[in-house]
Structures are given as structure tokens and as C-alpha cells.
Amino acid sequence: MTRETSARVDSGLRWAKSTYSSSSNGNDCVEIAPTPTAIHIRDSKNPGGARLATAPTAWSAFIGFVAQD
């Protein structure tokens, strides 16, 4: 996993948030920008702030874990 700061240019990343985000404040969410080599993650309340990037396989394992009943 890597951590990026806002000083880096987005390089055309396309950010999206989950359709399950339905809190009273729609900005309280995590956004992701998938690429072939990494899943980029940021806080929607602070899009210019710190970001994380992880391998797609690690992201898939994480999603599988949190989706368990």
C-alpha cells in the first residue's frame, strides 16, 4: 500500500463512490479510482488530501472480507 499527497497530479484518475453511500451528508464517503495496476482511495470530504493506493488483489480481498455477513 502506498500513501500519496495532494501535491501529485491525478493523471486522469476517475473517482467514484459507492452507490451504497446514503448518509445524511453525501460527502461522508470513501472514493476509489481503479487502474489496471492499483486501486486509489481517498476521503470524499478532502479530495486534495492524502490518498492510499493498493494492489487490485488486496482491494478485492478487502471487499470480500467486509461484504461477509
N, C-alpha and C. Protein backbone atom coordinates (compact mmCIF):
# COMPACT_ATOMS: atom_id res chain seq x y z
N MET A 1 0.85 -1.16 0.00
CA MET A 1 0.00 0.00 0.00
C MET A 1 0.90 1.23 0.00
N THR A 2 0.52 2.23 -0.74
CA THR A 2 1.28 3.48 -0.76
C THR A 2 0.39 4.62 -0.32
N ARG A 3 1.03 5.69 0.12
CA ARG A 3 0.30 6.89 0.53
C ARG A 3 0.77 8.03 -0.36
N GLU A 4 -0.17 8.76 -0.95
CA GLU A 4 0.15 9.87 -1.82
C GLU A 4 -0.38 11.16 -1.21
N THR A 5 0.27 12.27 -1.50
CA THR A 5 -0.21 13.55 -1.02
C THR A 5 -0.84 14.31 -2.17
N SER A 6 -1.53 15.39 -1.84
CA SER A 6 -2.24 16.16 -2.85
C SER A 6 -1.32 16.85 -3.84
N ALA A 7 -0.02 16.90 -3.57
CA ALA A 7 0.90 17.55 -4.49
C ALA A 7 1.00 16.80 -5.81
N ARG A 8 0.62 15.56 -5.81
CA ARG A 8 0.66 14.76 -7.03
C ARG A 8 -0.52 15.06 -7.92
N VAL A 9 -0.31 15.08 -9.19
CA VAL A 9 -1.38 15.30 -10.16
C VAL A 9 -2.19 14.02 -10.31
N ASP A 10 -3.49 14.16 -10.52
CA ASP A 10 -4.36 12.99 -10.63
C ASP A 10 -4.04 12.10 -11.82
N SER A 11 -3.40 12.59 -12.82
CA SER A 11 -3.06 11.80 -14.01
C SER A 11 -4.30 11.18 -14.65
N GLY A 12 -5.41 11.88 -14.61
CA GLY A 12 -6.61 11.39 -15.26
C GLY A 12 -7.38 10.35 -14.49
N LEU A 13 -7.15 10.22 -13.20
CA LEU A 13 -7.90 9.24 -12.41
C LEU A 13 -9.38 9.62 -12.41
N ARG A 14 -10.23 8.61 -12.49
CA ARG A 14 -11.68 8.82 -12.47
C ARG A 14 -12.21 8.30 -11.15
N TRP A 15 -12.58 9.22 -10.28
CA TRP A 15 -13.02 8.88 -8.94
C TRP A 15 -14.50 8.54 -8.91
N ALA A 16 -14.85 7.56 -8.07
CA ALA A 16 -16.26 7.15 -7.91
C ALA A 16 -16.48 6.76 -6.46
N LYS A 17 -17.72 6.95 -6.00
CA LYS A 17 -18.06 6.47 -4.67
C LYS A 17 -19.18 5.46 -4.78
N SER A 18 -19.34 4.68 -3.75
CA SER A 18 -20.31 3.60 -3.74
C SER A 18 -21.73 4.12 -3.86
N THR A 19 -22.55 3.37 -4.57
CA THR A 19 -23.97 3.70 -4.63
C THR A 19 -24.65 3.43 -3.30
N TYR A 20 -23.97 2.73 -2.39
CA TYR A 20 -24.50 2.48 -1.06
C TYR A 20 -24.29 3.66 -0.13
N SER A 21 -23.60 4.69 -0.58
CA SER A 21 -23.37 5.88 0.24
C SER A 21 -24.65 6.69 0.32
N SER A 22 -25.33 6.57 1.43
CA SER A 22 -26.60 7.28 1.56
C SER A 22 -26.74 7.94 2.92
N SER A 23 -25.62 8.40 3.47
CA SER A 23 -25.70 9.08 4.76
C SER A 23 -26.39 10.42 4.59
N SER A 24 -26.69 11.08 5.68
CA SER A 24 -27.34 12.39 5.61
C SER A 24 -26.44 13.40 4.91
N ASN A 25 -25.14 13.17 4.93
CA ASN A 25 -24.21 14.02 4.20
C ASN A 25 -23.55 13.16 3.14
N GLY A 26 -23.91 13.33 1.91
CA GLY A 26 -23.41 12.51 0.81
C GLY A 26 -21.92 12.58 0.60
N ASN A 27 -21.24 13.54 1.25
CA ASN A 27 -19.79 13.64 1.10
C ASN A 27 -19.03 12.79 2.11
N ASP A 28 -19.72 12.17 3.05
CA ASP A 28 -19.07 11.32 4.04
C ASP A 28 -18.86 9.94 3.43
N CYS A 29 -17.84 9.83 2.61
CA CYS A 29 -17.66 8.60 1.87
C CYS A 29 -16.21 8.42 1.46
N VAL A 30 -15.86 7.21 1.15
CA VAL A 30 -14.57 6.90 0.56
C VAL A 30 -14.79 6.80 -0.94
N GLU A 31 -13.87 7.36 -1.71
CA GLU A 31 -13.93 7.27 -3.17
C GLU A 31 -12.76 6.43 -3.65
N ILE A 32 -12.97 5.72 -4.76
CA ILE A 32 -11.88 4.95 -5.35
C ILE A 32 -11.72 5.33 -6.81
N ALA A 33 -10.51 5.13 -7.29
CA ALA A 33 -10.20 5.32 -8.71
C ALA A 33 -9.39 4.10 -9.14
N PRO A 34 -10.05 3.12 -9.75
CA PRO A 34 -9.33 1.91 -10.15
C PRO A 34 -8.51 2.12 -11.42
N THR A 35 -7.34 1.53 -11.45
CA THR A 35 -6.50 1.47 -12.64
C THR A 35 -6.07 0.01 -12.79
N PRO A 36 -5.47 -0.36 -13.88
CA PRO A 36 -5.05 -1.77 -14.03
C PRO A 36 -4.05 -2.24 -12.97
N THR A 37 -3.25 -1.33 -12.44
CA THR A 37 -2.20 -1.74 -11.51
C THR A 37 -2.45 -1.35 -10.06
N ALA A 38 -3.45 -0.52 -9.78
CA ALA A 38 -3.69 -0.06 -8.41
C ALA A 38 -5.12 0.42 -8.23
N ILE A 39 -5.58 0.36 -6.99
CA ILE A 39 -6.84 0.97 -6.60
C ILE A 39 -6.46 2.16 -5.73
N HIS A 40 -6.80 3.36 -6.18
CA HIS A 40 -6.50 4.59 -5.45
C HIS A 40 -7.70 4.92 -4.57
N ILE A 41 -7.45 5.33 -3.33
CA ILE A 41 -8.50 5.54 -2.34
C ILE A 41 -8.31 6.91 -1.71
N ARG A 42 -9.42 7.66 -1.56
CA ARG A 42 -9.35 8.97 -0.91
C ARG A 42 -10.63 9.24 -0.13
N ASP A 43 -10.58 10.21 0.76
CA ASP A 43 -11.72 10.66 1.54
C ASP A 43 -12.47 11.71 0.72
N SER A 44 -13.74 11.51 0.49
CA SER A 44 -14.51 12.44 -0.35
C SER A 44 -14.62 13.83 0.27
N LYS A 45 -14.47 13.92 1.61
CA LYS A 45 -14.53 15.24 2.26
C LYS A 45 -13.25 16.04 2.03
N ASN A 46 -12.17 15.37 1.64
CA ASN A 46 -10.89 16.02 1.45
C ASN A 46 -10.21 15.47 0.19
N PRO A 47 -10.77 15.74 -0.98
CA PRO A 47 -10.24 15.15 -2.21
C PRO A 47 -8.81 15.56 -2.54
N GLY A 48 -8.34 16.67 -2.00
CA GLY A 48 -6.97 17.08 -2.25
C GLY A 48 -5.98 16.59 -1.20
N GLY A 49 -6.48 15.84 -0.24
CA GLY A 49 -5.65 15.37 0.86
C GLY A 49 -4.91 14.08 0.54
N ALA A 50 -4.49 13.42 1.60
CA ALA A 50 -3.74 12.18 1.46
C ALA A 50 -4.58 11.10 0.78
N ARG A 51 -3.90 10.24 0.07
CA ARG A 51 -4.55 9.12 -0.63
C ARG A 51 -3.78 7.85 -0.39
N LEU A 52 -4.46 6.75 -0.55
CA LEU A 52 -3.84 5.44 -0.47
C LEU A 52 -3.95 4.77 -1.83
N ALA A 53 -3.02 3.87 -2.09
CA ALA A 53 -3.12 3.04 -3.29
C ALA A 53 -2.75 1.62 -2.89
N THR A 54 -3.50 0.66 -3.40
CA THR A 54 -3.26 -0.73 -3.06
C THR A 54 -3.39 -1.58 -4.33
N ALA A 55 -2.84 -2.75 -4.28
CA ALA A 55 -2.94 -3.68 -5.42
C ALA A 55 -4.39 -4.11 -5.59
N PRO A 56 -4.82 -4.32 -6.83
CA PRO A 56 -6.21 -4.78 -7.05
C PRO A 56 -6.54 -6.07 -6.30
N THR A 57 -5.59 -6.98 -6.17
CA THR A 57 -5.86 -8.22 -5.44
C THR A 57 -6.12 -7.96 -3.96
N ALA A 58 -5.38 -7.03 -3.37
CA ALA A 58 -5.60 -6.69 -1.96
C ALA A 58 -6.95 -6.01 -1.78
N TRP A 59 -7.33 -5.15 -2.71
CA TRP A 59 -8.64 -4.48 -2.63
C TRP A 59 -9.76 -5.51 -2.74
N SER A 60 -9.61 -6.43 -3.65
CA SER A 60 -10.62 -7.47 -3.82
C SER A 60 -10.78 -8.31 -2.56
N ALA A 61 -9.67 -8.66 -1.92
CA ALA A 61 -9.73 -9.42 -0.67
C ALA A 61 -10.41 -8.60 0.42
N PHE A 62 -10.11 -7.30 0.50
CA PHE A 62 -10.73 -6.42 1.48
C PHE A 62 -12.24 -6.36 1.28
N ILE A 63 -12.68 -6.15 0.03
CA ILE A 63 -14.11 -6.07 -0.27
C ILE A 63 -14.80 -7.40 0.08
N GLY A 64 -14.15 -8.50 -0.23
CA GLY A 64 -14.72 -9.80 0.14
C GLY A 64 -14.88 -9.96 1.63
N PHE A 65 -13.93 -9.45 2.40
CA PHE A 65 -14.00 -9.53 3.85
C PHE A 65 -15.11 -8.68 4.42
N VAL A 66 -15.23 -7.41 3.98
CA VAL A 66 -16.25 -6.53 4.55
C VAL A 66 -17.66 -6.89 4.06
N ALA A 67 -17.76 -7.62 2.97
CA ALA A 67 -19.07 -8.00 2.44
C ALA A 67 -19.65 -9.22 3.15
N GLN A 68 -18.85 -9.88 3.97
CA GLN A 68 -19.34 -11.06 4.69
C GLN A 68 -20.42 -10.67 5.68
N ASP A 69 -21.38 -11.54 5.83
CA ASP A 69 -22.47 -11.30 6.79
C ASP A 69 -22.03 -11.48 8.19
